[in-house]
Amino acid sequence: MRTTLFFIFLLAFSDSFSQHLHHQMISAQGTTKKTVSGLVVQQTIGQQTTTGNHSDGIVVQQGFQQTFWNTHIAKNETAIVSVVSFPNPFVEGLNFQFSTSIDAPVSVMIFDVSGRLVFTNEQAVVGNLLTLDLSRLAAAEYLVQLRTSQFHLFTKILKI
């Protein structure tokens, strides 16, 4: 009888304790702050800890970061020009094939998952094709911004 009461008490206590922890882990949104010492602290949905920092090329990340990349990609001006990147995923070189002739040089900016600019270049398009040597980038997913006076496009690329 005493053992049964002990297990019932233990079971009742553990249920209320787990509910308490569950409600502490809920977060409605995220934010980023930079401390006086230069430490970058990021919070995202479900993460109430430091999720990333970078210094001198070293990146430390923890947790799940939700990006706004799909929002940027959805706003592409496809009525003006569309672009196809290939091969994607890529190893060293990447091509961007444009649907129409591009007369002005294209500004290329590539961002890592933390939002840091890791590559920038301005280059002319030859025969509707823009070719980039990205062998120096680490294997990862990136967001690419292509911009001229005529259009502004975003796309995702993956280096393996």
N, C-alpha and C. Protein backbone atom coordinates (compact mmCIF):
# COMPACT_ATOMS: atom_id res chain seq x y z
N MET A 1 0.82 -1.19 0.00
CA MET A 1 0.00 0.00 0.00
C MET A 1 0.87 1.26 0.00
N ARG A 2 1.89 1.24 0.85
CA ARG A 2 2.78 2.40 0.95
C ARG A 2 3.51 2.63 -0.38
N THR A 3 3.94 1.56 -1.02
CA THR A 3 4.62 1.66 -2.31
C THR A 3 3.69 2.23 -3.37
N THR A 4 2.44 1.82 -3.39
CA THR A 4 1.46 2.32 -4.34
C THR A 4 1.24 3.82 -4.16
N LEU A 5 1.08 4.25 -2.92
CA LEU A 5 0.90 5.68 -2.65
C LEU A 5 2.12 6.49 -3.07
N PHE A 6 3.31 5.92 -2.86
CA PHE A 6 4.54 6.61 -3.25
C PHE A 6 4.58 6.82 -4.77
N PHE A 7 4.24 5.79 -5.55
CA PHE A 7 4.24 5.90 -7.01
C PHE A 7 3.17 6.87 -7.51
N ILE A 8 2.01 6.88 -6.87
CA ILE A 8 0.95 7.83 -7.25
C ILE A 8 1.41 9.26 -6.99
N PHE A 9 2.02 9.48 -5.84
CA PHE A 9 2.55 10.81 -5.51
C PHE A 9 3.64 11.22 -6.51
N LEU A 10 4.55 10.30 -6.83
CA LEU A 10 5.63 10.57 -7.76
C LEU A 10 5.09 10.89 -9.16
N LEU A 11 4.09 10.12 -9.60
CA LEU A 11 3.48 10.35 -10.89
C LEU A 11 2.78 11.71 -10.96
N ALA A 12 2.05 12.06 -9.93
CA ALA A 12 1.34 13.34 -9.90
C ALA A 12 2.33 14.50 -9.89
N PHE A 13 3.42 14.40 -9.16
CA PHE A 13 4.43 15.45 -9.07
C PHE A 13 5.14 15.63 -10.41
N SER A 14 5.50 14.53 -11.07
CA SER A 14 6.25 14.63 -12.33
C SER A 14 5.40 15.24 -13.44
N ASP A 15 4.09 14.98 -13.48
CA ASP A 15 3.24 15.58 -14.50
C ASP A 15 3.18 17.10 -14.37
N SER A 16 3.02 17.60 -13.19
CA SER A 16 2.94 19.06 -13.02
C SER A 16 4.28 19.72 -13.28
N PHE A 17 5.37 19.04 -12.94
CA PHE A 17 6.70 19.60 -13.18
C PHE A 17 6.98 19.69 -14.68
N SER A 18 6.62 18.66 -15.44
CA SER A 18 6.88 18.69 -16.87
C SER A 18 6.03 19.76 -17.55
N GLN A 19 4.81 19.99 -17.11
CA GLN A 19 3.99 21.05 -17.66
C GLN A 19 4.62 22.41 -17.40
N HIS A 20 5.21 22.57 -16.25
CA HIS A 20 5.85 23.82 -15.89
C HIS A 20 7.03 24.10 -16.82
N LEU A 21 7.87 23.09 -17.09
CA LEU A 21 8.99 23.27 -18.00
C LEU A 21 8.52 23.54 -19.43
N HIS A 22 7.47 22.86 -19.82
CA HIS A 22 6.93 23.04 -21.17
C HIS A 22 6.56 24.50 -21.43
N HIS A 23 5.90 25.13 -20.51
CA HIS A 23 5.45 26.51 -20.71
C HIS A 23 6.61 27.49 -20.67
N GLN A 24 7.70 27.16 -20.00
CA GLN A 24 8.85 28.05 -19.99
C GLN A 24 9.58 28.06 -21.32
N MET A 25 9.44 27.02 -22.13
CA MET A 25 10.17 26.92 -23.38
C MET A 25 9.45 27.60 -24.55
N ILE A 26 8.24 28.06 -24.37
CA ILE A 26 7.50 28.69 -25.46
C ILE A 26 7.99 30.13 -25.65
N SER A 27 8.29 30.48 -26.88
CA SER A 27 8.73 31.82 -27.21
C SER A 27 7.93 32.29 -28.42
N ALA A 28 7.56 33.56 -28.45
CA ALA A 28 6.70 34.06 -29.51
C ALA A 28 7.47 34.57 -30.73
N GLN A 29 8.72 34.98 -30.57
CA GLN A 29 9.47 35.55 -31.68
C GLN A 29 10.94 35.53 -31.37
N GLY A 30 11.75 36.21 -32.15
CA GLY A 30 13.19 36.23 -31.94
C GLY A 30 13.74 37.63 -31.97
N THR A 31 14.99 37.76 -31.54
CA THR A 31 15.67 39.05 -31.54
C THR A 31 17.17 38.83 -31.58
N THR A 32 17.91 39.85 -31.94
CA THR A 32 19.37 39.81 -31.95
C THR A 32 19.88 41.04 -31.23
N LYS A 33 20.84 40.85 -30.34
CA LYS A 33 21.47 41.95 -29.62
C LYS A 33 22.98 41.78 -29.66
N LYS A 34 23.70 42.90 -29.66
CA LYS A 34 25.15 42.87 -29.61
C LYS A 34 25.58 43.47 -28.28
N THR A 35 26.38 42.73 -27.52
CA THR A 35 26.83 43.21 -26.22
C THR A 35 27.97 44.20 -26.39
N VAL A 36 28.35 44.86 -25.32
CA VAL A 36 29.45 45.84 -25.35
C VAL A 36 30.75 45.16 -25.77
N SER A 37 30.94 43.89 -25.37
CA SER A 37 32.17 43.17 -25.71
C SER A 37 32.18 42.64 -27.14
N GLY A 38 31.06 42.81 -27.89
CA GLY A 38 31.01 42.37 -29.27
C GLY A 38 30.33 41.03 -29.47
N LEU A 39 29.88 40.39 -28.40
CA LEU A 39 29.18 39.11 -28.52
C LEU A 39 27.80 39.33 -29.12
N VAL A 40 27.46 38.55 -30.15
CA VAL A 40 26.16 38.63 -30.79
C VAL A 40 25.27 37.56 -30.18
N VAL A 41 24.15 37.97 -29.58
CA VAL A 41 23.22 37.05 -28.95
C VAL A 41 21.93 37.04 -29.76
N GLN A 42 21.50 35.84 -30.18
CA GLN A 42 20.29 35.70 -30.98
C GLN A 42 19.32 34.78 -30.26
N GLN A 43 18.04 35.14 -30.26
CA GLN A 43 16.98 34.29 -29.74
C GLN A 43 16.02 34.02 -30.87
N THR A 44 15.53 32.79 -30.96
CA THR A 44 14.52 32.47 -31.94
C THR A 44 13.41 31.68 -31.27
N ILE A 45 12.40 31.36 -32.04
CA ILE A 45 11.26 30.62 -31.50
C ILE A 45 11.75 29.33 -30.87
N GLY A 46 11.43 29.13 -29.60
CA GLY A 46 11.80 27.90 -28.90
C GLY A 46 13.21 27.89 -28.36
N GLN A 47 14.00 28.91 -28.61
CA GLN A 47 15.37 28.96 -28.12
C GLN A 47 15.53 30.18 -27.22
N GLN A 48 15.85 29.96 -25.97
CA GLN A 48 16.09 31.06 -25.06
C GLN A 48 17.54 31.05 -24.60
N THR A 49 18.45 30.77 -25.54
CA THR A 49 19.87 30.74 -25.25
C THR A 49 20.62 31.42 -26.38
N THR A 50 21.91 31.63 -26.20
CA THR A 50 22.74 32.17 -27.26
C THR A 50 22.76 31.18 -28.40
N THR A 51 22.46 31.63 -29.61
CA THR A 51 22.40 30.71 -30.75
C THR A 51 23.49 30.95 -31.77
N GLY A 52 24.28 31.98 -31.63
CA GLY A 52 25.33 32.16 -32.62
C GLY A 52 26.25 33.30 -32.31
N ASN A 53 27.49 33.19 -32.79
CA ASN A 53 28.47 34.24 -32.66
C ASN A 53 29.53 34.01 -33.73
N HIS A 54 30.15 35.05 -34.19
CA HIS A 54 31.23 34.91 -35.14
C HIS A 54 32.30 35.94 -34.85
N SER A 55 33.55 35.52 -35.05
CA SER A 55 34.69 36.40 -34.86
C SER A 55 35.86 35.83 -35.62
N ASP A 56 36.52 36.64 -36.41
CA ASP A 56 37.69 36.23 -37.17
C ASP A 56 37.46 34.96 -37.97
N GLY A 57 36.31 34.85 -38.62
CA GLY A 57 36.02 33.70 -39.46
C GLY A 57 35.53 32.47 -38.73
N ILE A 58 35.41 32.52 -37.40
CA ILE A 58 34.92 31.38 -36.63
C ILE A 58 33.45 31.63 -36.30
N VAL A 59 32.60 30.65 -36.61
CA VAL A 59 31.17 30.76 -36.35
C VAL A 59 30.76 29.69 -35.36
N VAL A 60 30.06 30.09 -34.30
CA VAL A 60 29.53 29.15 -33.32
C VAL A 60 28.02 29.30 -33.33
N GLN A 61 27.30 28.19 -33.56
CA GLN A 61 25.85 28.25 -33.61
C GLN A 61 25.25 27.13 -32.78
N GLN A 62 24.09 27.40 -32.23
CA GLN A 62 23.34 26.43 -31.47
C GLN A 62 21.87 26.68 -31.73
N GLY A 63 21.10 25.62 -31.89
CA GLY A 63 19.67 25.79 -32.04
C GLY A 63 19.25 25.95 -33.48
N PHE A 64 18.00 26.27 -33.68
CA PHE A 64 17.38 26.37 -35.01
C PHE A 64 17.12 27.82 -35.35
N GLN A 65 17.67 28.27 -36.45
CA GLN A 65 17.46 29.64 -36.91
C GLN A 65 16.43 29.63 -38.04
N GLN A 66 15.39 30.43 -37.92
CA GLN A 66 14.42 30.57 -38.99
C GLN A 66 14.77 31.80 -39.81
N THR A 67 14.85 31.63 -41.12
CA THR A 67 15.25 32.73 -41.98
C THR A 67 14.05 33.34 -42.69
N PHE A 68 14.27 34.50 -43.28
CA PHE A 68 13.27 35.18 -44.08
C PHE A 68 13.55 34.99 -45.57
N TRP A 69 14.38 34.02 -45.92
CA TRP A 69 14.78 33.82 -47.30
C TRP A 69 13.58 33.57 -48.20
N ASN A 70 12.67 32.72 -47.75
CA ASN A 70 11.50 32.41 -48.60
C ASN A 70 10.66 33.65 -48.86
N THR A 71 10.62 34.59 -47.91
CA THR A 71 9.90 35.85 -48.12
C THR A 71 10.57 36.66 -49.22
N HIS A 72 11.90 36.73 -49.18
CA HIS A 72 12.64 37.47 -50.22
C HIS A 72 12.46 36.81 -51.59
N ILE A 73 12.56 35.50 -51.65
CA ILE A 73 12.44 34.78 -52.92
C ILE A 73 11.04 34.94 -53.50
N ALA A 74 10.03 34.94 -52.64
CA ALA A 74 8.64 35.10 -53.10
C ALA A 74 8.40 36.48 -53.73
N LYS A 75 9.20 37.47 -53.37
CA LYS A 75 9.04 38.83 -53.90
C LYS A 75 9.83 39.06 -55.19
N ASN A 76 10.43 38.01 -55.76
CA ASN A 76 11.19 38.17 -57.01
C ASN A 76 10.31 38.74 -58.11
N GLU A 77 10.91 39.60 -58.92
CA GLU A 77 10.20 40.27 -60.01
C GLU A 77 10.26 39.40 -61.26
N THR A 78 9.56 38.25 -61.25
CA THR A 78 9.64 37.30 -62.35
C THR A 78 9.01 37.81 -63.63
N ALA A 79 8.18 38.84 -63.56
CA ALA A 79 7.59 39.40 -64.78
C ALA A 79 8.66 40.11 -65.61
N ILE A 80 9.69 40.62 -64.96
CA ILE A 80 10.76 41.34 -65.66
C ILE A 80 11.81 40.35 -66.17
N VAL A 81 12.33 39.51 -65.29
CA VAL A 81 13.36 38.54 -65.65
C VAL A 81 13.30 37.37 -64.66
N SER A 82 13.60 36.19 -65.14
CA SER A 82 13.72 35.04 -64.24
C SER A 82 15.12 34.47 -64.39
N VAL A 83 15.57 33.75 -63.37
CA VAL A 83 16.92 33.22 -63.37
C VAL A 83 16.90 31.77 -62.89
N VAL A 84 17.77 30.97 -63.48
CA VAL A 84 17.95 29.58 -63.08
C VAL A 84 19.42 29.41 -62.72
N SER A 85 19.69 28.86 -61.54
CA SER A 85 21.08 28.61 -61.14
C SER A 85 21.39 27.14 -61.37
N PHE A 86 22.57 26.86 -61.93
CA PHE A 86 22.98 25.47 -62.17
C PHE A 86 24.50 25.37 -62.18
N PRO A 87 25.09 24.25 -61.85
CA PRO A 87 24.45 23.16 -61.13
C PRO A 87 24.16 23.60 -59.70
N ASN A 88 23.09 23.14 -59.16
CA ASN A 88 22.73 23.50 -57.78
C ASN A 88 22.15 22.25 -57.12
N PRO A 89 22.88 21.59 -56.25
CA PRO A 89 24.10 22.01 -55.55
C PRO A 89 25.34 21.99 -56.46
N PHE A 90 26.35 22.76 -56.05
CA PHE A 90 27.56 22.90 -56.84
C PHE A 90 28.79 22.61 -55.97
N VAL A 91 29.94 22.45 -56.63
CA VAL A 91 31.19 22.19 -55.93
C VAL A 91 32.10 23.42 -55.99
N GLU A 92 32.35 23.95 -57.19
CA GLU A 92 33.24 25.11 -57.33
C GLU A 92 32.60 26.25 -58.11
N GLY A 93 32.12 25.96 -59.30
CA GLY A 93 31.56 26.99 -60.17
C GLY A 93 30.04 26.95 -60.19
N LEU A 94 29.43 28.12 -60.35
CA LEU A 94 27.98 28.23 -60.39
C LEU A 94 27.59 29.16 -61.53
N ASN A 95 26.54 28.80 -62.26
CA ASN A 95 26.05 29.59 -63.38
C ASN A 95 24.66 30.11 -63.06
N PHE A 96 24.38 31.32 -63.55
CA PHE A 96 23.04 31.90 -63.49
C PHE A 96 22.60 32.18 -64.92
N GLN A 97 21.53 31.51 -65.34
CA GLN A 97 20.99 31.68 -66.69
C GLN A 97 19.79 32.60 -66.60
N PHE A 98 19.82 33.74 -67.32
CA PHE A 98 18.75 34.73 -67.29
C PHE A 98 17.79 34.50 -68.45
N SER A 99 16.52 34.81 -68.24
CA SER A 99 15.49 34.59 -69.25
C SER A 99 15.53 35.62 -70.37
N THR A 100 16.14 36.77 -70.12
CA THR A 100 16.26 37.82 -71.14
C THR A 100 17.69 38.35 -71.16
N SER A 101 17.98 39.13 -72.15
CA SER A 101 19.30 39.74 -72.29
C SER A 101 19.51 40.79 -71.19
N ILE A 102 20.66 40.75 -70.55
CA ILE A 102 21.01 41.69 -69.48
C ILE A 102 22.17 42.53 -69.98
N ASP A 103 21.94 43.85 -70.16
CA ASP A 103 22.96 44.73 -70.71
C ASP A 103 23.89 45.31 -69.65
N ALA A 104 23.40 45.53 -68.45
CA ALA A 104 24.19 46.15 -67.39
C ALA A 104 24.90 45.08 -66.56
N PRO A 105 26.02 45.45 -65.93
CA PRO A 105 26.67 44.49 -65.03
C PRO A 105 25.74 44.12 -63.88
N VAL A 106 25.86 42.87 -63.40
CA VAL A 106 25.03 42.37 -62.31
C VAL A 106 25.83 42.39 -61.02
N SER A 107 25.24 42.98 -59.99
CA SER A 107 25.83 42.97 -58.66
C SER A 107 25.39 41.68 -57.97
N VAL A 108 26.37 40.89 -57.49
CA VAL A 108 26.11 39.61 -56.83
C VAL A 108 26.53 39.72 -55.37
N MET A 109 25.61 39.42 -54.47
CA MET A 109 25.93 39.37 -53.04
C MET A 109 25.46 38.02 -52.51
N ILE A 110 26.34 37.32 -51.79
CA ILE A 110 26.02 36.01 -51.25
C ILE A 110 26.12 36.09 -49.73
N PHE A 111 25.06 35.61 -49.06
CA PHE A 111 24.97 35.66 -47.59
C PHE A 111 24.93 34.24 -47.03
N ASP A 112 25.57 34.03 -45.86
CA ASP A 112 25.48 32.74 -45.20
C ASP A 112 24.21 32.67 -44.36
N VAL A 113 23.98 31.56 -43.66
CA VAL A 113 22.74 31.37 -42.90
C VAL A 113 22.62 32.33 -41.72
N SER A 114 23.72 32.93 -41.31
CA SER A 114 23.68 33.92 -40.23
C SER A 114 23.42 35.33 -40.75
N GLY A 115 23.32 35.47 -42.08
CA GLY A 115 23.06 36.78 -42.66
C GLY A 115 24.30 37.58 -42.96
N ARG A 116 25.48 36.99 -42.78
CA ARG A 116 26.73 37.69 -43.08
C ARG A 116 27.03 37.66 -44.57
N LEU A 117 27.49 38.77 -45.10
CA LEU A 117 27.91 38.85 -46.49
C LEU A 117 29.24 38.12 -46.63
N VAL A 118 29.28 37.04 -47.44
CA VAL A 118 30.49 36.24 -47.58
C VAL A 118 31.12 36.37 -48.96
N PHE A 119 30.39 36.95 -49.92
CA PHE A 119 30.92 37.12 -51.27
C PHE A 119 30.19 38.28 -51.92
N THR A 120 30.96 39.12 -52.62
CA THR A 120 30.36 40.21 -53.39
C THR A 120 31.17 40.39 -54.68
N ASN A 121 30.47 40.71 -55.76
CA ASN A 121 31.12 40.87 -57.04
C ASN A 121 30.17 41.61 -57.97
N GLU A 122 30.73 42.33 -58.93
CA GLU A 122 29.93 42.93 -60.00
C GLU A 122 30.52 42.44 -61.30
N GLN A 123 29.66 41.86 -62.14
CA GLN A 123 30.17 41.18 -63.32
C GLN A 123 29.19 41.32 -64.47
N ALA A 124 29.73 41.34 -65.69
CA ALA A 124 28.91 41.42 -66.89
C ALA A 124 28.34 40.04 -67.22
N VAL A 125 27.15 40.04 -67.81
CA VAL A 125 26.50 38.82 -68.26
C VAL A 125 26.87 38.60 -69.72
N VAL A 126 27.32 37.39 -70.04
CA VAL A 126 27.72 37.06 -71.41
C VAL A 126 26.76 36.01 -71.95
N GLY A 127 26.00 36.38 -73.00
CA GLY A 127 25.06 35.44 -73.60
C GLY A 127 24.00 34.94 -72.64
N ASN A 128 23.45 35.82 -71.83
CA ASN A 128 22.43 35.49 -70.82
C ASN A 128 22.95 34.58 -69.71
N LEU A 129 24.29 34.42 -69.59
CA LEU A 129 24.88 33.53 -68.60
C LEU A 129 25.89 34.29 -67.75
N LEU A 130 25.75 34.14 -66.44
CA LEU A 130 26.70 34.71 -65.48
C LEU A 130 27.36 33.54 -64.77
N THR A 131 28.70 33.44 -64.85
CA THR A 131 29.44 32.33 -64.26
C THR A 131 30.31 32.86 -63.13
N LEU A 132 30.22 32.20 -61.96
CA LEU A 132 30.99 32.60 -60.79
C LEU A 132 31.87 31.46 -60.30
N ASP A 133 33.09 31.79 -59.87
CA ASP A 133 33.97 30.82 -59.20
C ASP A 133 33.76 31.00 -57.70
N LEU A 134 33.11 30.03 -57.07
CA LEU A 134 32.82 30.10 -55.63
C LEU A 134 33.55 29.01 -54.87
N SER A 135 34.74 28.65 -55.35
CA SER A 135 35.51 27.58 -54.73
C SER A 135 35.97 27.93 -53.31
N ARG A 136 36.06 29.21 -53.00
CA ARG A 136 36.53 29.63 -51.67
C ARG A 136 35.44 29.54 -50.59
N LEU A 137 34.17 29.40 -50.99
CA LEU A 137 33.09 29.30 -50.01
C LEU A 137 33.10 27.92 -49.35
N ALA A 138 32.73 27.88 -48.09
CA ALA A 138 32.60 26.62 -47.36
C ALA A 138 31.34 25.90 -47.81
N ALA A 139 31.31 24.59 -47.64
CA ALA A 139 30.13 23.80 -47.98
C ALA A 139 29.00 24.20 -47.04
N ALA A 140 27.93 24.77 -47.62
CA ALA A 140 26.79 25.26 -46.82
C ALA A 140 25.70 25.74 -47.76
N GLU A 141 24.58 26.18 -47.16
CA GLU A 141 23.49 26.79 -47.91
C GLU A 141 23.68 28.30 -47.86
N TYR A 142 23.38 28.98 -48.96
CA TYR A 142 23.56 30.43 -49.06
C TYR A 142 22.35 31.07 -49.73
N LEU A 143 22.18 32.36 -49.45
CA LEU A 143 21.19 33.18 -50.15
C LEU A 143 21.95 34.11 -51.08
N VAL A 144 21.52 34.16 -52.34
CA VAL A 144 22.17 35.00 -53.35
C VAL A 144 21.23 36.13 -53.73
N GLN A 145 21.78 37.34 -53.77
CA GLN A 145 21.04 38.50 -54.24
C GLN A 145 21.69 38.95 -55.54
N LEU A 146 20.88 39.00 -56.60
CA LEU A 146 21.34 39.49 -57.91
C LEU A 146 20.60 40.80 -58.17
N ARG A 147 21.37 41.85 -58.54
CA ARG A 147 20.74 43.17 -58.68
C ARG A 147 21.36 43.96 -59.83
N THR A 148 20.47 44.60 -60.60
CA THR A 148 20.84 45.61 -61.59
C THR A 148 19.85 46.75 -61.44
N SER A 149 19.96 47.74 -62.31
CA SER A 149 18.97 48.83 -62.28
C SER A 149 17.61 48.34 -62.78
N GLN A 150 17.59 47.20 -63.50
CA GLN A 150 16.34 46.66 -64.06
C GLN A 150 15.61 45.71 -63.12
N PHE A 151 16.33 44.96 -62.29
CA PHE A 151 15.69 43.94 -61.46
C PHE A 151 16.48 43.71 -60.17
N HIS A 152 15.83 42.97 -59.27
CA HIS A 152 16.39 42.62 -57.96
C HIS A 152 15.85 41.23 -57.63
N LEU A 153 16.71 40.20 -57.64
CA LEU A 153 16.29 38.81 -57.44
C LEU A 153 17.03 38.15 -56.29
N PHE A 154 16.37 37.20 -55.63
CA PHE A 154 16.98 36.36 -54.61
C PHE A 154 16.82 34.90 -55.02
N THR A 155 17.81 34.07 -54.67
CA THR A 155 17.71 32.63 -54.86
C THR A 155 18.59 31.93 -53.82
N LYS A 156 18.31 30.68 -53.57
CA LYS A 156 19.12 29.87 -52.66
C LYS A 156 20.06 29.00 -53.47
N ILE A 157 21.27 28.80 -52.93
CA ILE A 157 22.23 27.88 -53.53
C ILE A 157 22.79 26.98 -52.44
N LEU A 158 23.34 25.85 -52.85
CA LEU A 158 23.91 24.89 -51.91
C LEU A 158 25.26 24.44 -52.42
N LYS A 159 26.30 24.67 -51.61
CA LYS A 159 27.64 24.21 -51.97
C LYS A 159 27.91 22.92 -51.21
N ILE A 160 28.38 21.92 -51.94
CA ILE A 160 28.70 20.63 -51.31
C ILE A 160 30.19 20.36 -51.39
